[in-house]
Amino acid sequence: QVHDKAGSMAMIRFNQLNAPFDKPAVRRALLAGITQSDYMMA
């Protein structure tokens, strides 16, 4: 049974102190290929 009705929000978290993810444009570039259902089914 699911008892945590709010569930859990999944994510890929970046360290923005280190290159290359200190650049917002690099982080934004990755959005266009993310398919959330792939992560959820896994």
PDB file of all heavy atoms in Angstrom:
ATOM      1  N   GLN A   1       0.823  -1.197   0.000  1.00  0.00           N
ATOM      2  CA  GLN A   1       0.000   0.000   0.000  1.00  0.00           C
ATOM      3  C   GLN A   1       0.862   1.255   0.000  1.00  0.00           C
ATOM      4  O   GLN A   1       1.940   1.276   0.607  1.00  0.00           O
ATOM      5  CB  GLN A   1      -0.919   0.004   1.231  1.00  0.00           C
ATOM      6  CG  GLN A   1      -1.961   1.102   1.253  1.00  0.00           C
ATOM      7  CD  GLN A   1      -2.953   0.913   2.392  1.00  0.00           C
ATOM      8  OE1 GLN A   1      -3.030  -0.146   3.001  1.00  0.00           O
ATOM      9  NE2 GLN A   1      -3.713   1.949   2.689  1.00  0.00           N
ATOM     10  N   VAL A   2       0.381   2.295  -0.677  1.00  0.00           N
ATOM     11  CA  VAL A   2       1.027   3.606  -0.651  1.00  0.00           C
ATOM     12  C   VAL A   2       0.502   4.377   0.549  1.00  0.00           C
ATOM     13  O   VAL A   2      -0.698   4.661   0.640  1.00  0.00           O
ATOM     14  CB  VAL A   2       0.757   4.397  -1.943  1.00  0.00           C
ATOM     15  CG1 VAL A   2       1.338   5.808  -1.830  1.00  0.00           C
ATOM     16  CG2 VAL A   2       1.349   3.675  -3.152  1.00  0.00           C
ATOM     17  N   HIS A   3       1.378   4.696   1.480  1.00  0.00           N
ATOM     18  CA  HIS A   3       0.987   5.495   2.640  1.00  0.00           C
ATOM     19  C   HIS A   3       1.438   6.943   2.519  1.00  0.00           C
ATOM     20  O   HIS A   3       0.858   7.820   3.164  1.00  0.00           O
ATOM     21  CB  HIS A   3       1.554   4.875   3.923  1.00  0.00           C
ATOM     22  CG  HIS A   3       0.783   3.685   4.389  1.00  0.00           C
ATOM     23  ND1 HIS A   3      -0.353   3.785   5.147  1.00  0.00           N
ATOM     24  CD2 HIS A   3       0.972   2.363   4.164  1.00  0.00           C
ATOM     25  CE1 HIS A   3      -0.833   2.570   5.400  1.00  0.00           C
ATOM     26  NE2 HIS A   3      -0.051   1.696   4.810  1.00  0.00           N
ATOM     27  N   ASP A   4       2.462   7.193   1.708  1.00  0.00           N
ATOM     28  CA  ASP A   4       2.902   8.570   1.498  1.00  0.00           C
ATOM     29  C   ASP A   4       2.175   9.108   0.283  1.00  0.00           C
ATOM     30  O   ASP A   4       2.630   8.985  -0.856  1.00  0.00           O
ATOM     31  CB  ASP A   4       4.415   8.618   1.301  1.00  0.00           C
ATOM     32  CG  ASP A   4       4.951  10.042   1.242  1.00  0.00           C
ATOM     33  OD1 ASP A   4       4.131  10.984   1.245  1.00  0.00           O
ATOM     34  OD2 ASP A   4       6.183  10.211   1.189  1.00  0.00           O
ATOM     35  N   LYS A   5       1.004   9.716   0.523  1.00  0.00           N
ATOM     36  CA  LYS A   5       0.148  10.160  -0.583  1.00  0.00           C
ATOM     37  C   LYS A   5       0.758  11.315  -1.368  1.00  0.00           C
ATOM     38  O   LYS A   5       0.387  11.548  -2.524  1.00  0.00           O
ATOM     39  CB  LYS A   5      -1.227  10.577  -0.033  1.00  0.00           C
ATOM     40  CG  LYS A   5      -1.973   9.481   0.731  1.00  0.00           C
ATOM     41  CD  LYS A   5      -2.208   8.242  -0.113  1.00  0.00           C
ATOM     42  CE  LYS A   5      -3.228   7.282   0.511  1.00  0.00           C
ATOM     43  NZ  LYS A   5      -2.804   6.721   1.803  1.00  0.00           N
ATOM     44  N   ALA A   6       1.677  12.057  -0.756  1.00  0.00           N
ATOM     45  CA  ALA A   6       2.353  13.137  -1.483  1.00  0.00           C
ATOM     46  C   ALA A   6       3.459  12.603  -2.369  1.00  0.00           C
ATOM     47  O   ALA A   6       3.959  13.318  -3.251  1.00  0.00           O
ATOM     48  CB  ALA A   6       2.921  14.165  -0.511  1.00  0.00           C
ATOM     49  N   GLY A   7       3.861  11.360  -2.163  1.00  0.00           N
ATOM     50  CA  GLY A   7       4.871  10.748  -3.008  1.00  0.00           C
ATOM     51  C   GLY A   7       6.238  11.393  -2.880  1.00  0.00           C
ATOM     52  O   GLY A   7       6.537  12.115  -1.925  1.00  0.00           O
ATOM     53  N   SER A   8       7.051  11.130  -3.889  1.00  0.00           N
ATOM     54  CA  SER A   8       8.416  11.655  -3.933  1.00  0.00           C
ATOM     55  C   SER A   8       8.672  12.256  -5.303  1.00  0.00           C
ATOM     56  O   SER A   8       8.374  11.629  -6.329  1.00  0.00           O
ATOM     57  CB  SER A   8       9.437  10.539  -3.661  1.00  0.00           C
ATOM     58  OG  SER A   8       9.228   9.949  -2.395  1.00  0.00           O
ATOM     59  N   MET A   9       9.215  13.451  -5.323  1.00  0.00           N
ATOM     60  CA  MET A   9       9.539  14.136  -6.572  1.00  0.00           C
ATOM     61  C   MET A   9      10.980  13.807  -6.947  1.00  0.00           C
ATOM     62  O   MET A   9      11.915  14.098  -6.194  1.00  0.00           O
ATOM     63  CB  MET A   9       9.344  15.630  -6.416  1.00  0.00           C
ATOM     64  CG  MET A   9       7.904  16.039  -6.161  1.00  0.00           C
ATOM     65  SD  MET A   9       6.885  16.033  -7.642  1.00  0.00           S
ATOM     66  CE  MET A   9       7.100  17.735  -8.164  1.00  0.00           C
ATOM     67  N   ALA A  10      11.139  13.178  -8.104  1.00  0.00           N
ATOM     68  CA  ALA A  10      12.457  12.728  -8.550  1.00  0.00           C
ATOM     69  C   ALA A  10      13.152  13.824  -9.350  1.00  0.00           C
ATOM     70  O   ALA A  10      12.501  14.676  -9.963  1.00  0.00           O
ATOM     71  CB  ALA A  10      12.319  11.460  -9.379  1.00  0.00           C
ATOM     72  N   MET A  11      14.472  13.759  -9.371  1.00  0.00           N
ATOM     73  CA  MET A  11      15.242  14.818 -10.019  1.00  0.00           C
ATOM     74  C   MET A  11      16.646  14.366 -10.371  1.00  0.00           C
ATOM     75  O   MET A  11      17.163  13.371  -9.847  1.00  0.00           O
ATOM     76  CB  MET A  11      15.351  16.030  -9.086  1.00  0.00           C
ATOM     77  CG  MET A  11      16.146  15.764  -7.821  1.00  0.00           C
ATOM     78  SD  MET A  11      16.362  17.241  -6.777  1.00  0.00           S
ATOM     79  CE  MET A  11      14.694  17.532  -6.241  1.00  0.00           C
ATOM     80  N   ILE A  12      17.259  15.132 -11.260  1.00  0.00           N
ATOM     81  CA  ILE A  12      18.705  15.081 -11.489  1.00  0.00           C
ATOM     82  C   ILE A  12      19.245  16.403 -10.952  1.00  0.00           C
ATOM     83  O   ILE A  12      18.909  17.479 -11.449  1.00  0.00           O
ATOM     84  CB  ILE A  12      19.048  14.922 -12.976  1.00  0.00           C
ATOM     85  CG1 ILE A  12      18.467  13.621 -13.532  1.00  0.00           C
ATOM     86  CG2 ILE A  12      20.565  14.948 -13.179  1.00  0.00           C
ATOM     87  CD1 ILE A  12      18.578  13.490 -15.034  1.00  0.00           C
ATOM     88  N   ARG A  13      20.072  16.313  -9.939  1.00  0.00           N
ATOM     89  CA  ARG A  13      20.572  17.505  -9.246  1.00  0.00           C
ATOM     90  C   ARG A  13      21.992  17.805  -9.685  1.00  0.00           C
ATOM     91  O   ARG A  13      22.848  16.904  -9.710  1.00  0.00           O
ATOM     92  CB  ARG A  13      20.526  17.279  -7.737  1.00  0.00           C
ATOM     93  CG  ARG A  13      20.991  18.447  -6.880  1.00  0.00           C
ATOM     94  CD  ARG A  13      20.020  19.597  -6.862  1.00  0.00           C
ATOM     95  NE  ARG A  13      20.281  20.486  -5.722  1.00  0.00           N
ATOM     96  CZ  ARG A  13      19.624  21.610  -5.494  1.00  0.00           C
ATOM     97  NH1 ARG A  13      18.657  21.992  -6.321  1.00  0.00           N
ATOM     98  NH2 ARG A  13      19.906  22.358  -4.448  1.00  0.00           N
ATOM     99  N   PHE A  14      22.247  19.073 -10.004  1.00  0.00           N
ATOM    100  CA  PHE A  14      23.570  19.514 -10.450  1.00  0.00           C
ATOM    101  C   PHE A  14      24.326  20.195  -9.321  1.00  0.00           C
ATOM    102  O   PHE A  14      23.742  20.872  -8.484  1.00  0.00           O
ATOM    103  CB  PHE A  14      23.431  20.525 -11.597  1.00  0.00           C
ATOM    104  CG  PHE A  14      22.708  20.018 -12.803  1.00  0.00           C
ATOM    105  CD1 PHE A  14      21.407  20.422 -13.062  1.00  0.00           C
ATOM    106  CD2 PHE A  14      23.323  19.143 -13.677  1.00  0.00           C
ATOM    107  CE1 PHE A  14      20.726  19.971 -14.179  1.00  0.00           C
ATOM    108  CE2 PHE A  14      22.657  18.677 -14.798  1.00  0.00           C
ATOM    109  CZ  PHE A  14      21.347  19.083 -15.046  1.00  0.00           C
ATOM    110  N   ASN A  15      25.647  20.060  -9.350  1.00  0.00           N
ATOM    111  CA  ASN A  15      26.520  20.872  -8.510  1.00  0.00           C
ATOM    112  C   ASN A  15      26.917  22.090  -9.327  1.00  0.00           C
ATOM    113  O   ASN A  15      27.679  21.983 -10.292  1.00  0.00           O
ATOM    114  CB  ASN A  15      27.759  20.075  -8.090  1.00  0.00           C
ATOM    115  CG  ASN A  15      28.671  20.861  -7.167  1.00  0.00           C
ATOM    116  OD1 ASN A  15      28.524  22.073  -7.000  1.00  0.00           O
ATOM    117  ND2 ASN A  15      29.628  20.182  -6.567  1.00  0.00           N
ATOM    118  N   GLN A  16      26.419  23.249  -8.945  1.00  0.00           N
ATOM    119  CA  GLN A  16      26.639  24.442  -9.742  1.00  0.00           C
ATOM    120  C   GLN A  16      27.904  25.195  -9.349  1.00  0.00           C
ATOM    121  O   GLN A  16      28.181  26.268  -9.883  1.00  0.00           O
ATOM    122  CB  GLN A  16      25.399  25.334  -9.663  1.00  0.00           C
ATOM    123  CG  GLN A  16      24.173  24.611 -10.213  1.00  0.00           C
ATOM    124  CD  GLN A  16      22.964  25.490 -10.377  1.00  0.00           C
ATOM    125  OE1 GLN A  16      23.066  26.711 -10.483  1.00  0.00           O
ATOM    126  NE2 GLN A  16      21.793  24.867 -10.410  1.00  0.00           N
ATOM    127  N   LEU A  17      28.693  24.609  -8.450  1.00  0.00           N
ATOM    128  CA  LEU A  17      29.988  25.198  -8.112  1.00  0.00           C
ATOM    129  C   LEU A  17      31.080  24.742  -9.074  1.00  0.00           C
ATOM    130  O   LEU A  17      32.117  25.395  -9.189  1.00  0.00           O
ATOM    131  CB  LEU A  17      30.383  24.834  -6.675  1.00  0.00           C
ATOM    132  CG  LEU A  17      29.434  25.272  -5.562  1.00  0.00           C
ATOM    133  CD1 LEU A  17      30.010  24.872  -4.204  1.00  0.00           C
ATOM    134  CD2 LEU A  17      29.181  26.774  -5.608  1.00  0.00           C
ATOM    135  N   ASN A  18      30.851  23.603  -9.733  1.00  0.00           N
ATOM    136  CA  ASN A  18      31.872  23.021 -10.602  1.00  0.00           C
ATOM    137  C   ASN A  18      31.446  23.060 -12.066  1.00  0.00           C
ATOM    138  O   ASN A  18      30.276  22.852 -12.392  1.00  0.00           O
ATOM    139  CB  ASN A  18      32.133  21.559 -10.211  1.00  0.00           C
ATOM    140  CG  ASN A  18      32.893  21.438  -8.899  1.00  0.00           C
ATOM    141  OD1 ASN A  18      33.660  22.338  -8.532  1.00  0.00           O
ATOM    142  ND2 ASN A  18      32.691  20.344  -8.187  1.00  0.00           N
ATOM    143  N   ALA A  19      32.431  23.298 -12.954  1.00  0.00           N
ATOM    144  CA  ALA A  19      32.178  23.213 -14.390  1.00  0.00           C
ATOM    145  C   ALA A  19      31.855  21.757 -14.750  1.00  0.00           C
ATOM    146  O   ALA A  19      32.339  20.835 -14.091  1.00  0.00           O
ATOM    147  CB  ALA A  19      33.404  23.695 -15.156  1.00  0.00           C
ATOM    148  N   PRO A  20      31.030  21.535 -15.769  1.00  0.00           N
ATOM    149  CA  PRO A  20      30.440  22.511 -16.695  1.00  0.00           C
ATOM    150  C   PRO A  20      29.078  23.049 -16.252  1.00  0.00           C
ATOM    151  O   PRO A  20      28.511  23.900 -16.911  1.00  0.00           O
ATOM    152  CB  PRO A  20      30.281  21.684 -17.968  1.00  0.00           C
ATOM    153  CG  PRO A  20      29.932  20.311 -17.468  1.00  0.00           C
ATOM    154  CD  PRO A  20      30.758  20.138 -16.203  1.00  0.00           C
ATOM    155  N   PHE A  21      28.554  22.518 -15.115  1.00  0.00           N
ATOM    156  CA  PHE A  21      27.186  22.884 -14.741  1.00  0.00           C
ATOM    157  C   PHE A  21      27.119  24.176 -13.940  1.00  0.00           C
ATOM    158  O   PHE A  21      26.071  24.513 -13.395  1.00  0.00           O
ATOM    159  CB  PHE A  21      26.523  21.730 -13.990  1.00  0.00           C
ATOM    160  CG  PHE A  21      26.437  20.474 -14.814  1.00  0.00           C
ATOM    161  CD1 PHE A  21      26.911  19.266 -14.324  1.00  0.00           C
ATOM    162  CD2 PHE A  21      25.909  20.508 -16.093  1.00  0.00           C
ATOM    163  CE1 PHE A  21      26.847  18.117 -15.081  1.00  0.00           C
ATOM    164  CE2 PHE A  21      25.834  19.354 -16.871  1.00  0.00           C
ATOM    165  CZ  PHE A  21      26.307  18.156 -16.368  1.00  0.00           C
ATOM    166  N   ASP A  22      28.222  24.913 -13.908  1.00  0.00           N
ATOM    167  CA  ASP A  22      28.170  26.271 -13.386  1.00  0.00           C
ATOM    168  C   ASP A  22      27.547  27.219 -14.415  1.00  0.00           C
ATOM    169  O   ASP A  22      27.216  28.351 -14.092  1.00  0.00           O
ATOM    170  CB  ASP A  22      29.560  26.751 -12.987  1.00  0.00           C
ATOM    171  CG  ASP A  22      30.578  26.652 -14.123  1.00  0.00           C
ATOM    172  OD1 ASP A  22      30.349  25.874 -15.081  1.00  0.00           O
ATOM    173  OD2 ASP A  22      31.604  27.351 -14.058  1.00  0.00           O
ATOM    174  N   LYS A  23      27.363  26.725 -15.656  1.00  0.00           N
ATOM    175  CA  LYS A  23      26.770  27.530 -16.720  1.00  0.00           C
ATOM    176  C   LYS A  23      25.300  27.152 -16.890  1.00  0.00           C
ATOM    177  O   LYS A  23      24.982  25.998 -17.211  1.00  0.00           O
ATOM    178  CB  LYS A  23      27.501  27.296 -18.046  1.00  0.00           C
ATOM    179  CG  LYS A  23      28.973  27.676 -18.044  1.00  0.00           C
ATOM    180  CD  LYS A  23      29.549  27.459 -19.442  1.00  0.00           C
ATOM    181  CE  LYS A  23      31.027  27.830 -19.496  1.00  0.00           C
ATOM    182  NZ  LYS A  23      31.853  26.877 -18.717  1.00  0.00           N
ATOM    183  N   PRO A  24      24.362  28.099 -16.689  1.00  0.00           N
ATOM    184  CA  PRO A  24      22.947  27.780 -16.870  1.00  0.00           C
ATOM    185  C   PRO A  24      22.627  27.225 -18.257  1.00  0.00           C
ATOM    186  O   PRO A  24      21.772  26.346 -18.395  1.00  0.00           O
ATOM    187  CB  PRO A  24      22.244  29.127 -16.638  1.00  0.00           C
ATOM    188  CG  PRO A  24      23.198  29.919 -15.811  1.00  0.00           C
ATOM    189  CD  PRO A  24      24.563  29.486 -16.236  1.00  0.00           C
ATOM    190  N   ALA A  25      23.315  27.707 -19.284  1.00  0.00           N
ATOM    191  CA  ALA A  25      23.021  27.248 -20.644  1.00  0.00           C
ATOM    192  C   ALA A  25      23.342  25.769 -20.811  1.00  0.00           C
ATOM    193  O   ALA A  25      22.659  25.062 -21.569  1.00  0.00           O
ATOM    194  CB  ALA A  25      23.792  28.086 -21.660  1.00  0.00           C
ATOM    195  N   VAL A  26      24.374  25.290 -20.133  1.00  0.00           N
ATOM    196  CA  VAL A  26      24.707  23.858 -20.208  1.00  0.00           C
ATOM    197  C   VAL A  26      23.613  23.039 -19.538  1.00  0.00           C
ATOM    198  O   VAL A  26      23.186  21.999 -20.052  1.00  0.00           O
ATOM    199  CB  VAL A  26      26.078  23.589 -19.564  1.00  0.00           C
ATOM    200  CG1 VAL A  26      26.359  22.089 -19.487  1.00  0.00           C
ATOM    201  CG2 VAL A  26      27.184  24.293 -20.349  1.00  0.00           C
ATOM    202  N   ARG A  27      23.139  23.518 -18.402  1.00  0.00           N
ATOM    203  CA  ARG A  27      22.064  22.805 -17.710  1.00  0.00           C
ATOM    204  C   ARG A  27      20.785  22.808 -18.544  1.00  0.00           C
ATOM    205  O   ARG A  27      20.111  21.782 -18.659  1.00  0.00           O
ATOM    206  CB  ARG A  27      21.819  23.431 -16.329  1.00  0.00           C
ATOM    207  CG  ARG A  27      23.052  23.474 -15.437  1.00  0.00           C
ATOM    208  CD  ARG A  27      22.713  23.831 -14.004  1.00  0.00           C
ATOM    209  NE  ARG A  27      22.122  25.154 -13.825  1.00  0.00           N
ATOM    210  CZ  ARG A  27      22.802  26.268 -13.601  1.00  0.00           C
ATOM    211  NH1 ARG A  27      24.142  26.238 -13.560  1.00  0.00           N
ATOM    212  NH2 ARG A  27      22.176  27.424 -13.417  1.00  0.00           N
ATOM    213  N   ARG A  28      20.464  23.962 -19.128  1.00  0.00           N
ATOM    214  CA  ARG A  28      19.254  24.060 -19.956  1.00  0.00           C
ATOM    215  C   ARG A  28      19.330  23.163 -21.182  1.00  0.00           C
ATOM    216  O   ARG A  28      18.319  22.598 -21.614  1.00  0.00           O
ATOM    217  CB  ARG A  28      19.036  25.503 -20.416  1.00  0.00           C
ATOM    218  CG  ARG A  28      18.409  26.410 -19.384  1.00  0.00           C
ATOM    219  CD  ARG A  28      17.853  27.666 -20.042  1.00  0.00           C
ATOM    220  NE  ARG A  28      18.862  28.414 -20.770  1.00  0.00           N
ATOM    221  CZ  ARG A  28      19.636  29.363 -20.235  1.00  0.00           C
ATOM    222  NH1 ARG A  28      19.522  29.660 -18.940  1.00  0.00           N
ATOM    223  NH2 ARG A  28      20.520  30.004 -20.960  1.00  0.00           N
ATOM    224  N   ALA A  29      20.521  23.018 -21.724  1.00  0.00           N
ATOM    225  CA  ALA A  29      20.668  22.218 -22.944  1.00  0.00           C
ATOM    226  C   ALA A  29      20.203  20.779 -22.745  1.00  0.00           C
ATOM    227  O   ALA A  29      19.696  20.140 -23.680  1.00  0.00           O
ATOM    228  CB  ALA A  29      22.130  22.240 -23.401  1.00  0.00           C
ATOM    229  N   LEU A  30      20.338  20.266 -21.539  1.00  0.00           N
ATOM    230  CA  LEU A  30      19.992  18.865 -21.275  1.00  0.00           C
ATOM    231  C   LEU A  30      18.488  18.624 -21.208  1.00  0.00           C
ATOM    232  O   LEU A  30      18.035  17.482 -21.317  1.00  0.00           O
ATOM    233  CB  LEU A  30      20.650  18.420 -19.972  1.00  0.00           C
ATOM    234  CG  LEU A  30      22.173  18.322 -20.008  1.00  0.00           C
ATOM    235  CD1 LEU A  30      22.738  18.150 -18.607  1.00  0.00           C
ATOM    236  CD2 LEU A  30      22.616  17.168 -20.899  1.00  0.00           C
ATOM    237  N   LEU A  31      17.697  19.673 -21.033  1.00  0.00           N
ATOM    238  CA  LEU A  31      16.253  19.498 -20.885  1.00  0.00           C
ATOM    239  C   LEU A  31      15.613  18.879 -22.121  1.00  0.00           C
ATOM    240  O   LEU A  31      14.666  18.094 -22.020  1.00  0.00           O
ATOM    241  CB  LEU A  31      15.589  20.849 -20.595  1.00  0.00           C
ATOM    242  CG  LEU A  31      15.882  21.486 -19.236  1.00  0.00           C
ATOM    243  CD1 LEU A  31      15.355  22.924 -19.211  1.00  0.00           C
ATOM    244  CD2 LEU A  31      15.247  20.675 -18.124  1.00  0.00           C
ATOM    245  N   ALA A  32      16.114  19.210 -23.311  1.00  0.00           N
ATOM    246  CA  ALA A  32      15.447  18.831 -24.558  1.00  0.00           C
ATOM    247  C   ALA A  32      15.474  17.331 -24.835  1.00  0.00           C
ATOM    248  O   ALA A  32      14.773  16.857 -25.744  1.00  0.00           O
ATOM    249  CB  ALA A  32      16.073  19.588 -25.731  1.00  0.00           C
ATOM    250  N   GLY A  33      16.270  16.578 -24.089  1.00  0.00           N
ATOM    251  CA  GLY A  33      16.335  15.133 -24.331  1.00  0.00           C
ATOM    252  C   GLY A  33      15.810  14.295 -23.186  1.00  0.00           C
ATOM    253  O   GLY A  33      15.842  13.065 -23.247  1.00  0.00           O
ATOM    254  N   ILE A  34      15.306  14.934 -22.141  1.00  0.00           N
ATOM    255  CA  ILE A  34      14.816  14.206 -20.965  1.00  0.00           C
ATOM    256  C   ILE A  34      13.396  13.695 -21.204  1.00  0.00           C
ATOM    257  O   ILE A  34      12.498  14.472 -21.564  1.00  0.00           O
ATOM    258  CB  ILE A  34      14.836  15.110 -19.718  1.00  0.00           C
ATOM    259  CG1 ILE A  34      16.280  15.436 -19.316  1.00  0.00           C
ATOM    260  CG2 ILE A  34      14.085  14.464 -18.553  1.00  0.00           C
ATOM    261  CD1 ILE A  34      17.066  14.263 -18.774  1.00  0.00           C
ATOM    262  N   THR A  35      13.195  12.401 -21.013  1.00  0.00           N
ATOM    263  CA  THR A  35      11.860  11.801 -21.078  1.00  0.00           C
ATOM    264  C   THR A  35      11.546  11.254 -19.695  1.00  0.00           C
ATOM    265  O   THR A  35      12.112  10.235 -19.269  1.00  0.00           O
ATOM    266  CB  THR A  35      11.814  10.677 -22.127  1.00  0.00           C
ATOM    267  OG1 THR A  35      12.182  11.205 -23.410  1.00  0.00           O
ATOM    268  CG2 THR A  35      10.416  10.064 -22.210  1.00  0.00           C
ATOM    269  N   GLN A  36      10.675  11.928 -18.986  1.00  0.00           N
ATOM    270  CA  GLN A  36      10.423  11.570 -17.588  1.00  0.00           C
ATOM    271  C   GLN A  36       9.949  10.137 -17.428  1.00  0.00           C
ATOM    272  O   GLN A  36      10.308   9.456 -16.450  1.00  0.00           O
ATOM    273  CB  GLN A  36       9.410  12.532 -16.975  1.00  0.00           C
ATOM    274  CG  GLN A  36       9.945  13.934 -16.730  1.00  0.00           C
ATOM    275  CD  GLN A  36       8.964  14.810 -15.958  1.00  0.00           C
ATOM    276  OE1 GLN A  36       7.770  14.526 -15.902  1.00  0.00           O
ATOM    277  NE2 GLN A  36       9.467  15.881 -15.376  1.00  0.00           N
ATOM    278  N   SER A  37       9.152   9.644 -18.360  1.00  0.00           N
ATOM    279  CA  SER A  37       8.626   8.282 -18.216  1.00  0.00           C
ATOM    280  C   SER A  37       9.737   7.239 -18.199  1.00  0.00           C
ATOM    281  O   SER A  37       9.590   6.176 -17.577  1.00  0.00           O
ATOM    282  CB  SER A  37       7.628   7.973 -19.328  1.00  0.00           C
ATOM    283  OG  SER A  37       8.233   8.109 -20.607  1.00  0.00           O
ATOM    284  N   ASP A  38      10.868   7.508 -18.849  1.00  0.00           N
ATOM    285  CA  ASP A  38      12.000   6.561 -18.810  1.00  0.00           C
ATOM    286  C   ASP A  38      12.498   6.379 -17.378  1.00  0.00           C
ATOM    287  O   ASP A  38      12.788   5.260 -16.947  1.00  0.00           O
ATOM    288  CB  ASP A  38      13.150   7.071 -19.682  1.00  0.00           C
ATOM    289  CG  ASP A  38      12.840   7.030 -21.165  1.00  0.00           C
ATOM    290  OD1 ASP A  38      11.853   6.371 -21.551  1.00  0.00           O
ATOM    291  OD2 ASP A  38      13.580   7.681 -21.940  1.00  0.00           O
ATOM    292  N   TYR A  39      12.596   7.478 -16.657  1.00  0.00           N
ATOM    293  CA  TYR A  39      13.088   7.431 -15.272  1.00  0.00           C
ATOM    294  C   TYR A  39      12.060   6.780 -14.362  1.00  0.00           C
ATOM    295  O   TYR A  39      12.400   5.996 -13.460  1.00  0.00           O
ATOM    296  CB  TYR A  39      13.433   8.843 -14.797  1.00  0.00           C
ATOM    297  CG  TYR A  39      14.569   9.441 -15.583  1.00  0.00           C
ATOM    298  CD1 TYR A  39      14.346  10.081 -16.800  1.00  0.00           C
ATOM    299  CD2 TYR A  39      15.883   9.337 -15.138  1.00  0.00           C
ATOM    300  CE1 TYR A  39      15.388  10.595 -17.546  1.00  0.00           C
ATOM    301  CE2 TYR A  39      16.936   9.857 -15.873  1.00  0.00           C
ATOM    302  CZ  TYR A  39      16.682  10.476 -17.078  1.00  0.00           C
ATOM    303  OH  TYR A  39      17.725  10.983 -17.817  1.00  0.00           O
ATOM    304  N   MET A  40      10.795   7.094 -14.597  1.00  0.00           N
ATOM    305  CA  MET A  40       9.743   6.548 -13.746  1.00  0.00           C
ATOM    306  C   MET A  40       9.580   5.041 -13.942  1.00  0.00           C
ATOM    307  O   MET A  40       9.406   4.295 -12.971  1.00  0.00           O
ATOM    308  CB  MET A  40       8.426   7.269 -14.013  1.00  0.00           C
ATOM    309  CG  MET A  40       8.413   8.730 -13.582  1.00  0.00           C
ATOM    310  SD  MET A  40       8.640   8.946 -11.781  1.00  0.00           S
ATOM    311  CE  MET A  40      10.437   9.142 -11.648  1.00  0.00           C
ATOM    312  N   MET A  41       9.655   4.577 -15.183  1.00  0.00           N
ATOM    313  CA  MET A  41       9.523   3.132 -15.408  1.00  0.00           C
ATOM    314  C   MET A  41      10.712   2.379 -14.842  1.00  0.00           C
ATOM    315  O   MET A  41      10.566   1.274 -14.318  1.00  0.00           O
ATOM    316  CB  MET A  41       9.341   2.842 -16.897  1.00  0.00           C
ATOM    317  CG  MET A  41       7.940   3.159 -17.390  1.00  0.00           C
ATOM    318  SD  MET A  41       7.574   2.531 -19.047  1.00  0.00           S
ATOM    319  CE  MET A  41       8.525   3.670 -20.052  1.00  0.00           C
ATOM    320  N   ALA A  42      11.902   2.983 -14.917  1.00  0.00           N
ATOM    321  CA  ALA A  42      13.076   2.328 -14.348  1.00  0.00           C
ATOM    322  C   ALA A  42      12.966   2.199 -12.837  1.00  0.00           C
ATOM    323  O   ALA A  42      13.317   1.164 -12.253  1.00  0.00           O
ATOM    324  CB  ALA A  42      14.342   3.107 -14.711  1.00  0.00           C
TER     325      ALA A  42
END
